[in-house]
C-alpha atoms as a PDB file:
ATOM      1  CA  MET A   1       7.719 -11.432   6.495  1.00  0.00           C
ATOM      2  CA  LYS A   2       6.318  -9.819   9.600  1.00  0.00           C
ATOM      3  CA  ARG A   3       4.444  -7.237   7.518  1.00  0.00           C
ATOM      4  CA  ILE A   4       2.829  -9.994   5.433  1.00  0.00           C
ATOM      5  CA  CYS A   5       1.748 -11.958   8.497  1.00  0.00           C
ATOM      6  CA  ARG A   6      -0.245  -8.989   9.845  1.00  0.00           C
ATOM      7  CA  TRP A   7      -2.776  -9.463   6.966  1.00  0.00           C
ATOM      8  CA  VAL A   8      -3.135 -13.270   7.521  1.00  0.00           C
ATOM      9  CA  PRO A   9      -6.192 -13.023   9.866  1.00  0.00           C
ATOM     10  CA  LEU A  10      -8.020 -10.772   7.458  1.00  0.00           C
ATOM     11  CA  PHE A  11      -7.562 -13.204   4.611  1.00  0.00           C
ATOM     12  CA  GLY A  12      -8.615 -15.965   6.988  1.00  0.00           C
ATOM     13  CA  LEU A  13     -11.979 -14.330   7.274  1.00  0.00           C
ATOM     14  CA  LEU A  14     -12.279 -14.440   3.484  1.00  0.00           C
ATOM     15  CA  LEU A  15     -11.325 -18.077   3.489  1.00  0.00           C
ATOM     16  CA  LEU A  16     -14.294 -18.806   5.852  1.00  0.00           C
ATOM     17  CA  SER A  17     -16.518 -17.467   3.068  1.00  0.00           C
ATOM     18  CA  ILE A  18     -15.439 -20.149   0.552  1.00  0.00           C
ATOM     19  CA  PRO A  19     -18.104 -22.644   1.385  1.00  0.00           C
ATOM     20  CA  PHE A  20     -20.775 -19.950   0.912  1.00  0.00           C
ATOM     21  CA  ALA A  21     -19.175 -18.664  -2.226  1.00  0.00           C
ATOM     22  CA  ASN A  22     -19.144 -22.209  -3.764  1.00  0.00           C
ATOM     23  CA  ALA A  23     -22.830 -22.464  -3.165  1.00  0.00           C
ATOM     24  CA  GLN A  24     -24.079 -19.049  -4.314  1.00  0.00           C
ATOM     25  CA  SER A  25     -21.301 -16.730  -5.361  1.00  0.00           C
ATOM     26  CA  PHE A  26     -17.492 -16.524  -5.511  1.00  0.00           C
ATOM     27  CA  VAL A  27     -14.284 -15.453  -3.692  1.00  0.00           C
ATOM     28  CA  ASP A  28     -11.150 -14.243  -5.269  1.00  0.00           C
ATOM     29  CA  PHE A  29      -7.580 -13.694  -3.889  1.00  0.00           C
ATOM     30  CA  GLY A  30      -4.781 -11.768  -5.538  1.00  0.00           C
ATOM     31  CA  ILE A  31      -1.162 -10.491  -5.180  1.00  0.00           C
ATOM     32  CA  GLY A  32      -0.585  -7.145  -6.789  1.00  0.00           C
ATOM     33  CA  PHE A  33       2.337  -5.202  -8.117  1.00  0.00           C
ATOM     34  CA  GLY A  34       2.301  -1.417  -8.951  1.00  0.00           C
ATOM     35  CA  ALA A  35       3.204   2.064  -7.811  1.00  0.00           C
ATOM     36  CA  ALA A  36       1.707   5.003  -6.028  1.00  0.00           C
ATOM     37  CA  HIS A  37       2.617   8.720  -6.283  1.00  0.00           C
ATOM     38  CA  ASP A  38       2.468  11.888  -4.232  1.00  0.00           C
ATOM     39  CA  SER A  39       4.526  15.067  -4.478  1.00  0.00           C
ATOM     40  CA  SER A  40       7.185  16.320  -2.049  1.00  0.00           C
ATOM     41  CA  THR A  41       6.328  18.851   0.683  1.00  0.00           C
ATOM     42  CA  GLY A  42       9.364  20.796  -0.451  1.00  0.00           C
ATOM     43  CA  GLN A  43      10.650  20.818   3.080  1.00  0.00           C
ATOM     44  CA  GLY A  44      13.759  19.184   4.489  1.00  0.00           C
ATOM     45  CA  ILE A  45      15.262  17.399   7.596  1.00  0.00           C
ATOM     46  CA  GLU A  46      18.681  18.229   9.091  1.00  0.00           C
ATOM     47  CA  SER A  47      21.120  15.286   8.595  1.00  0.00           C
ATOM     48  CA  ALA A  48      22.683  13.342  11.591  1.00  0.00           C
ATOM     49  CA  SER A  49      25.846  15.497  11.139  1.00  0.00           C
ATOM     50  CA  SER A  50      24.045  18.683  11.867  1.00  0.00           C
ATOM     51  CA  LEU A  51      24.066  20.317  15.340  1.00  0.00           C
ATOM     52  CA  ASN A  52      20.228  20.219  14.945  1.00  0.00           C
ATOM     53  CA  ALA A  53      20.058  16.627  13.743  1.00  0.00           C
ATOM     54  CA  PHE A  54      16.724  15.627  12.397  1.00  0.00           C
ATOM     55  CA  ALA A  55      15.191  19.060  12.962  1.00  0.00           C
ATOM     56  CA  ALA A  56      12.945  20.544  10.286  1.00  0.00           C
ATOM     57  CA  CYS A  57      14.564  22.885   7.745  1.00  0.00           C
ATOM     58  CA  THR A  58      13.840  24.576   4.446  1.00  0.00           C
ATOM     59  CA  PRO A  59      16.183  23.555   1.536  1.00  0.00           C
ATOM     60  CA  PRO A  60      18.801  24.478   0.638  1.00  0.00           C
ATOM     61  CA  GLY A  61      19.291  25.550   4.276  1.00  0.00           C
ATOM     62  CA  ASP A  62      22.678  25.310   5.960  1.00  0.00           C
ATOM     63  CA  GLY A  63      24.256  22.561   3.844  1.00  0.00           C
ATOM     64  CA  PHE A  64      23.008  19.896   6.165  1.00  0.00           C
ATOM     65  CA  CYS A  65      19.380  20.224   5.107  1.00  0.00           C
ATOM     66  CA  GLU A  66      18.184  17.203   3.057  1.00  0.00           C
ATOM     67  CA  LYS A  67      14.977  17.616   1.041  1.00  0.00           C
ATOM     68  CA  THR A  68      12.161  15.186   1.786  1.00  0.00           C
ATOM     69  CA  PRO A  69      11.080  13.109  -1.240  1.00  0.00           C
ATOM     70  CA  ALA A  70       8.039  12.551  -3.331  1.00  0.00           C
ATOM     71  CA  LEU A  71       6.125   9.280  -2.747  1.00  0.00           C
ATOM     72  CA  SER A  72       6.935   6.907  -5.500  1.00  0.00           C
ATOM     73  CA  GLY A  73       8.371   3.505  -6.308  1.00  0.00           C
ATOM     74  CA  PHE A  74       7.279  -0.106  -6.195  1.00  0.00           C
ATOM     75  CA  PHE A  75       4.316  -1.339  -4.146  1.00  0.00           C
ATOM     76  CA  LEU A  76       3.458  -4.982  -3.323  1.00  0.00           C
ATOM     77  CA  GLY A  77      -0.175  -5.708  -2.516  1.00  0.00           C
ATOM     78  CA  PHE A  78      -2.584  -8.447  -1.266  1.00  0.00           C
ATOM     79  CA  ALA A  79      -6.362  -8.341  -1.877  1.00  0.00           C
ATOM     80  CA  GLY A  80      -9.458 -10.527  -1.586  1.00  0.00           C
ATOM     81  CA  ASN A  81     -13.137 -10.069  -2.562  1.00  0.00           C
ATOM     82  CA  VAL A  82     -16.319 -11.868  -1.795  1.00  0.00           C
ATOM     83  CA  LEU A  83     -19.316 -11.425  -4.243  1.00  0.00           C
ATOM     84  CA  LEU A  84     -22.601 -12.358  -2.790  1.00  0.00           C
ATOM     85  CA  GLY A  85     -24.207 -13.135  -6.185  1.00  0.00           C
ATOM     86  CA  LYS A  86     -23.069 -11.717  -9.450  1.00  0.00           C
ATOM     87  CA  HIS A  87     -22.957  -8.014  -8.658  1.00  0.00           C
ATOM     88  CA  TYR A  88     -22.548  -7.110  -4.930  1.00  0.00           C
ATOM     89  CA  GLY A  89     -20.020  -7.860  -2.253  1.00  0.00           C
ATOM     90  CA  PHE A  90     -17.211  -6.755  -0.054  1.00  0.00           C
ATOM     91  CA  GLY A  91     -13.412  -6.927   0.057  1.00  0.00           C
ATOM     92  CA  MET A  92     -10.118  -5.722   1.317  1.00  0.00           C
ATOM     93  CA  GLU A  93      -6.786  -4.533  -0.085  1.00  0.00           C
ATOM     94  CA  ALA A  94      -3.384  -3.883   1.439  1.00  0.00           C
ATOM     95  CA  SER A  95      -0.385  -2.500  -0.256  1.00  0.00           C
ATOM     96  CA  PHE A  96       3.064  -1.403   0.920  1.00  0.00           C
ATOM     97  CA  GLN A  97       6.616  -0.630  -0.152  1.00  0.00           C
ATOM     98  CA  PRO A  98       8.757  -3.751   0.464  1.00  0.00           C
ATOM     99  CA  ASN A  99      11.875  -1.497   0.479  1.00  0.00           C
ATOM    100  CA  ARG A 100      12.646   1.529   2.598  1.00  0.00           C
ATOM    101  CA  PRO A 101      13.256   4.640   0.276  1.00  0.00           C
ATOM    102  CA  ASP A 102      15.192   7.645   1.677  1.00  0.00           C
ATOM    103  CA  TYR A 103      13.216  10.362   3.484  1.00  0.00           C
ATOM    104  CA  GLY A 104      15.958  12.989   3.869  1.00  0.00           C
ATOM    105  CA  PRO A 105      18.420  11.409   6.261  1.00  0.00           C
ATOM    106  CA  LEU A 106      15.731   8.873   7.391  1.00  0.00           C
ATOM    107  CA  GLN A 107      14.069   6.006   5.592  1.00  0.00           C
ATOM    108  CA  TYR A 108      10.362   5.415   5.249  1.00  0.00           C
ATOM    109  CA  ARG A 109       7.805   2.787   4.302  1.00  0.00           C
ATOM    110  CA  GLU A 110       4.314   3.637   3.147  1.00  0.00           C
ATOM    111  CA  THR A 111       1.434   1.255   3.646  1.00  0.00           C
ATOM    112  CA  PHE A 112      -2.289   1.628   2.523  1.00  0.00           C
ATOM    113  CA  TYR A 113      -5.081  -0.701   3.632  1.00  0.00           C
ATOM    114  CA  ASP A 114      -8.771  -0.477   3.057  1.00  0.00           C
ATOM    115  CA  PHE A 115     -12.109  -2.335   3.504  1.00  0.00           C
ATOM    116  CA  ASN A 116     -14.563  -1.917   0.645  1.00  0.00           C
ATOM    117  CA  GLY A 117     -17.988  -2.476  -0.747  1.00  0.00           C
ATOM    118  CA  VAL A 118     -17.730  -3.971  -4.142  1.00  0.00           C
ATOM    119  CA  TYR A 119     -20.017  -3.563  -7.195  1.00  0.00           C
ATOM    120  CA  SER A 120     -19.584  -5.476 -10.473  1.00  0.00           C
ATOM    121  CA  PRO A 121     -22.007  -3.974 -13.123  1.00  0.00           C
ATOM    122  CA  VAL A 122     -20.480  -6.258 -15.807  1.00  0.00           C
ATOM    123  CA  SER A 123     -19.697  -9.933 -15.228  1.00  0.00           C
ATOM    124  CA  GLU A 124     -18.874 -11.919 -18.281  1.00  0.00           C
ATOM    125  CA  LYS A 125     -17.084 -15.246 -18.629  1.00  0.00           C
ATOM    126  CA  LYS A 126     -13.784 -13.748 -19.835  1.00  0.00           C
ATOM    127  CA  TYR A 127     -13.891 -10.353 -18.188  1.00  0.00           C
ATOM    128  CA  ALA A 128     -15.690  -8.146 -15.594  1.00  0.00           C
ATOM    129  CA  LEU A 129     -15.795  -4.633 -14.262  1.00  0.00           C
ATOM    130  CA  LEU A 130     -15.156  -4.208 -10.527  1.00  0.00           C
ATOM    131  CA  LEU A 131     -15.890  -0.978  -8.685  1.00  0.00           C
ATOM    132  CA  SER A 132     -14.900  -0.628  -5.019  1.00  0.00           C
ATOM    133  CA  GLY A 133     -15.115   2.075  -2.363  1.00  0.00           C
ATOM    134  CA  GLY A 134     -14.573   2.145   1.350  1.00  0.00           C
ATOM    135  CA  ILE A 135     -12.412   3.259   4.303  1.00  0.00           C
ATOM    136  CA  GLY A 136      -9.085   2.294   5.839  1.00  0.00           C
ATOM    137  CA  GLY A 137      -5.858   3.747   6.869  1.00  0.00           C
ATOM    138  CA  ALA A 138      -2.489   4.891   5.684  1.00  0.00           C
ATOM    139  CA  ARG A 139       0.796   4.455   7.729  1.00  0.00           C
ATOM    140  CA  THR A 140       4.141   6.070   7.123  1.00  0.00           C
ATOM    141  CA  ALA A 141       6.802   4.305   9.184  1.00  0.00           C
ATOM    142  CA  PHE A 142      10.178   6.052   9.686  1.00  0.00           C
ATOM    143  CA  SER A 143      13.507   4.588  10.560  1.00  0.00           C
ATOM    144  CA  PHE A 144      17.186   5.533  10.816  1.00  0.00           C
ATOM    145  CA  THR A 145      20.039   3.355   9.382  1.00  0.00           C
ATOM    146  CA  GLN A 146      23.439   3.735  10.967  1.00  0.00           C
ATOM    147  CA  THR A 147      26.787   2.014  10.389  1.00  0.00           C
ATOM    148  CA  SER A 148      29.291   1.678  13.278  1.00  0.00           C
ATOM    149  CA  CYS A 149      32.791   0.149  13.204  1.00  0.00           C
ATOM    150  CA  VAL A 150      35.255  -1.281  15.691  1.00  0.00           C
ATOM    151  CA  GLY A 151      38.465  -0.033  14.188  1.00  0.00           C
ATOM    152  CA  THR A 152      38.704  -1.128  10.524  1.00  0.00           C
ATOM    153  CA  ALA A 153      38.011  -4.751  11.200  1.00  0.00           C
ATOM    154  CA  VAL A 154      34.375  -5.081  11.996  1.00  0.00           C
ATOM    155  CA  CYS A 155      31.447  -2.904  10.834  1.00  0.00           C
ATOM    156  CA  SER A 156      27.797  -3.389  11.362  1.00  0.00           C
ATOM    157  CA  THR A 157      24.698  -1.664  10.077  1.00  0.00           C
ATOM    158  CA  GLY A 158      21.532  -1.395  12.056  1.00  0.00           C
ATOM    159  CA  THR A 159      18.112   0.124  11.382  1.00  0.00           C
ATOM    160  CA  THR A 160      16.241   1.814  14.234  1.00  0.00           C
ATOM    161  CA  PRO A 161      12.532   2.772  14.108  1.00  0.00           C
ATOM    162  CA  VAL A 162      12.038   6.364  14.920  1.00  0.00           C
ATOM    163  CA  GLY A 163       8.235   6.696  14.636  1.00  0.00           C
ATOM    164  CA  ASN A 164       5.033   6.082  12.708  1.00  0.00           C
ATOM    165  CA  SER A 165       2.397   8.490  11.297  1.00  0.00           C
ATOM    166  CA  ASN A 166      -1.069   6.983  10.992  1.00  0.00           C
ATOM    167  CA  HIS A 167      -4.001   8.413   9.048  1.00  0.00           C
ATOM    168  CA  PHE A 168      -7.601   7.610   8.173  1.00  0.00           C
ATOM    169  CA  GLN A 169      -8.174   7.189   4.398  1.00  0.00           C
ATOM    170  CA  LEU A 170     -11.138   7.088   1.901  1.00  0.00           C
ATOM    171  CA  HIS A 171     -10.577   4.765  -1.044  1.00  0.00           C
ATOM    172  CA  ILE A 172     -12.134   4.190  -4.445  1.00  0.00           C
ATOM    173  CA  GLY A 173     -11.009   1.773  -7.148  1.00  0.00           C
ATOM    174  CA  VAL A 174     -11.828   0.585 -10.648  1.00  0.00           C
ATOM    175  CA  GLY A 175     -10.537  -2.727 -11.949  1.00  0.00           C
ATOM    176  CA  VAL A 176     -11.045  -4.883 -14.958  1.00  0.00           C
ATOM    177  CA  PRO A 177     -10.528  -8.665 -14.124  1.00  0.00           C
ATOM    178  CA  ILE A 178      -9.469 -10.588 -17.347  1.00  0.00           C
ATOM    179  CA  TYR A 179      -9.852 -14.377 -16.969  1.00  0.00           C
ATOM    180  CA  LEU A 180      -7.077 -16.412 -18.520  1.00  0.00           C
ATOM    181  CA  THR A 181      -8.696 -19.554 -17.408  1.00  0.00           C
ATOM    182  CA  GLU A 182     -11.951 -20.442 -15.548  1.00  0.00           C
ATOM    183  CA  HIS A 183     -10.286 -19.434 -12.303  1.00  0.00           C
ATOM    184  CA  VAL A 184      -7.029 -17.538 -12.962  1.00  0.00           C
ATOM    185  CA  PHE A 185      -7.220 -13.843 -13.711  1.00  0.00           C
ATOM    186  CA  ILE A 186      -5.195 -10.665 -14.036  1.00  0.00           C
ATOM    187  CA  ARG A 187      -6.804  -7.346 -12.946  1.00  0.00           C
ATOM    188  CA  PRO A 188      -5.395  -3.977 -13.977  1.00  0.00           C
ATOM    189  CA  GLU A 189      -6.680  -1.483 -11.454  1.00  0.00           C
ATOM    190  CA  PHE A 190      -6.659   2.250 -10.725  1.00  0.00           C
ATOM    191  CA  ASP A 191      -7.107   3.346  -7.093  1.00  0.00           C
ATOM    192  CA  LEU A 192      -7.411   6.703  -5.526  1.00  0.00           C
ATOM    193  CA  HIS A 193      -6.623   7.242  -1.864  1.00  0.00           C
ATOM    194  CA  TYR A 194      -7.821  10.440  -0.040  1.00  0.00           C
ATOM    195  CA  VAL A 195      -5.822  10.752   3.230  1.00  0.00           C
ATOM    196  CA  PRO A 196      -6.508  13.763   5.438  1.00  0.00           C
ATOM    197  CA  ASN A 197      -3.319  15.290   6.892  1.00  0.00           C
ATOM    198  CA  LEU A 198      -0.955  13.326   4.667  1.00  0.00           C
ATOM    199  CA  THR A 199       0.430  16.678   3.812  1.00  0.00           C
ATOM    200  CA  ASN A 200       2.413  16.361   7.046  1.00  0.00           C
ATOM    201  CA  GLN A 201       4.571  13.812   5.153  1.00  0.00           C
ATOM    202  CA  PHE A 202       3.976  14.550   1.441  1.00  0.00           C
ATOM    203  CA  GLY A 203       2.689  17.321  -0.857  1.00  0.00           C
ATOM    204  CA  SER A 204      -1.056  16.205  -1.276  1.00  0.00           C
ATOM    205  CA  ASN A 205      -3.801  14.408   0.568  1.00  0.00           C
ATOM    206  CA  VAL A 206      -4.670  12.655  -2.768  1.00  0.00           C
ATOM    207  CA  VAL A 207      -2.644   9.621  -3.791  1.00  0.00           C
ATOM    208  CA  PRO A 208      -3.266   7.879  -7.199  1.00  0.00           C
ATOM    209  CA  GLN A 209      -2.103   4.343  -7.446  1.00  0.00           C
ATOM    210  CA  GLY A 210      -1.951   1.845 -10.210  1.00  0.00           C
ATOM    211  CA  MET A 211      -1.774  -1.977  -9.572  1.00  0.00           C
ATOM    212  CA  VAL A 212      -1.817  -5.158 -11.606  1.00  0.00           C
ATOM    213  CA  TRP A 213      -3.303  -8.049  -9.622  1.00  0.00           C
ATOM    214  CA  VAL A 214      -2.740 -11.680 -10.371  1.00  0.00           C
ATOM    215  CA  GLY A 215      -5.207 -14.014  -8.692  1.00  0.00           C
ATOM    216  CA  TYR A 216      -7.412 -17.057  -8.391  1.00  0.00           C
ATOM    217  CA  SER A 217     -11.190 -17.211  -7.963  1.00  0.00           C
ATOM    218  CA  LEU A 218     -13.447 -19.885  -6.450  1.00  0.00           C
ATOM    219  CA  GLY A 219     -17.189 -20.299  -7.018  1.00  0.00           C
ATOM    220  CA  ASP A 220     -19.672 -19.473  -9.763  1.00  0.00           C
ATOM    221  CA  ARG A 221     -19.359 -16.226 -11.706  1.00  0.00           C
END
């Protein structure tokens, strides 16, 4: 819930555009579901049981070395666009992993967010083509989950943040909104994130992502 609330002020700015959109253009909002992928670095991290706990290592190592993963899995997203007329506008997107996959002995959560210029060369009643490009950031948040017990009667599990890695990113996207009704749409979309220095966490600085957005539009198309 805290993560979702971080994006509320940004969507508030889009909401302020609704009166203008109703007069001259349109605004759309969507929630997205999809996946992103990047390869593993091939490196590892020593487990909490090692004398060098959480130190860097190279698998297979000493038996305590746990390989770091590839980036994959389910992403949840939120997006909004404002088109100032039929073809040009601006928008923003944010997507993140709602769960925390394992990163060796740690857990991680990847987040991408970007602010884009938008161009729609095709805009028909039932479908459109939406091209976007802009800048933003990528954040990899790390945490450690540990279970402690008092005898055998009571056990508790806690998650402790251990650090974040933040990077600048460039983003491009291609989407095809398909209108099921005058206002309701689905939009399959392919995105490409270029994140300098992401190779500190994963195997490549280039991250492809596929999303399907379900949303609602206001204004004249």
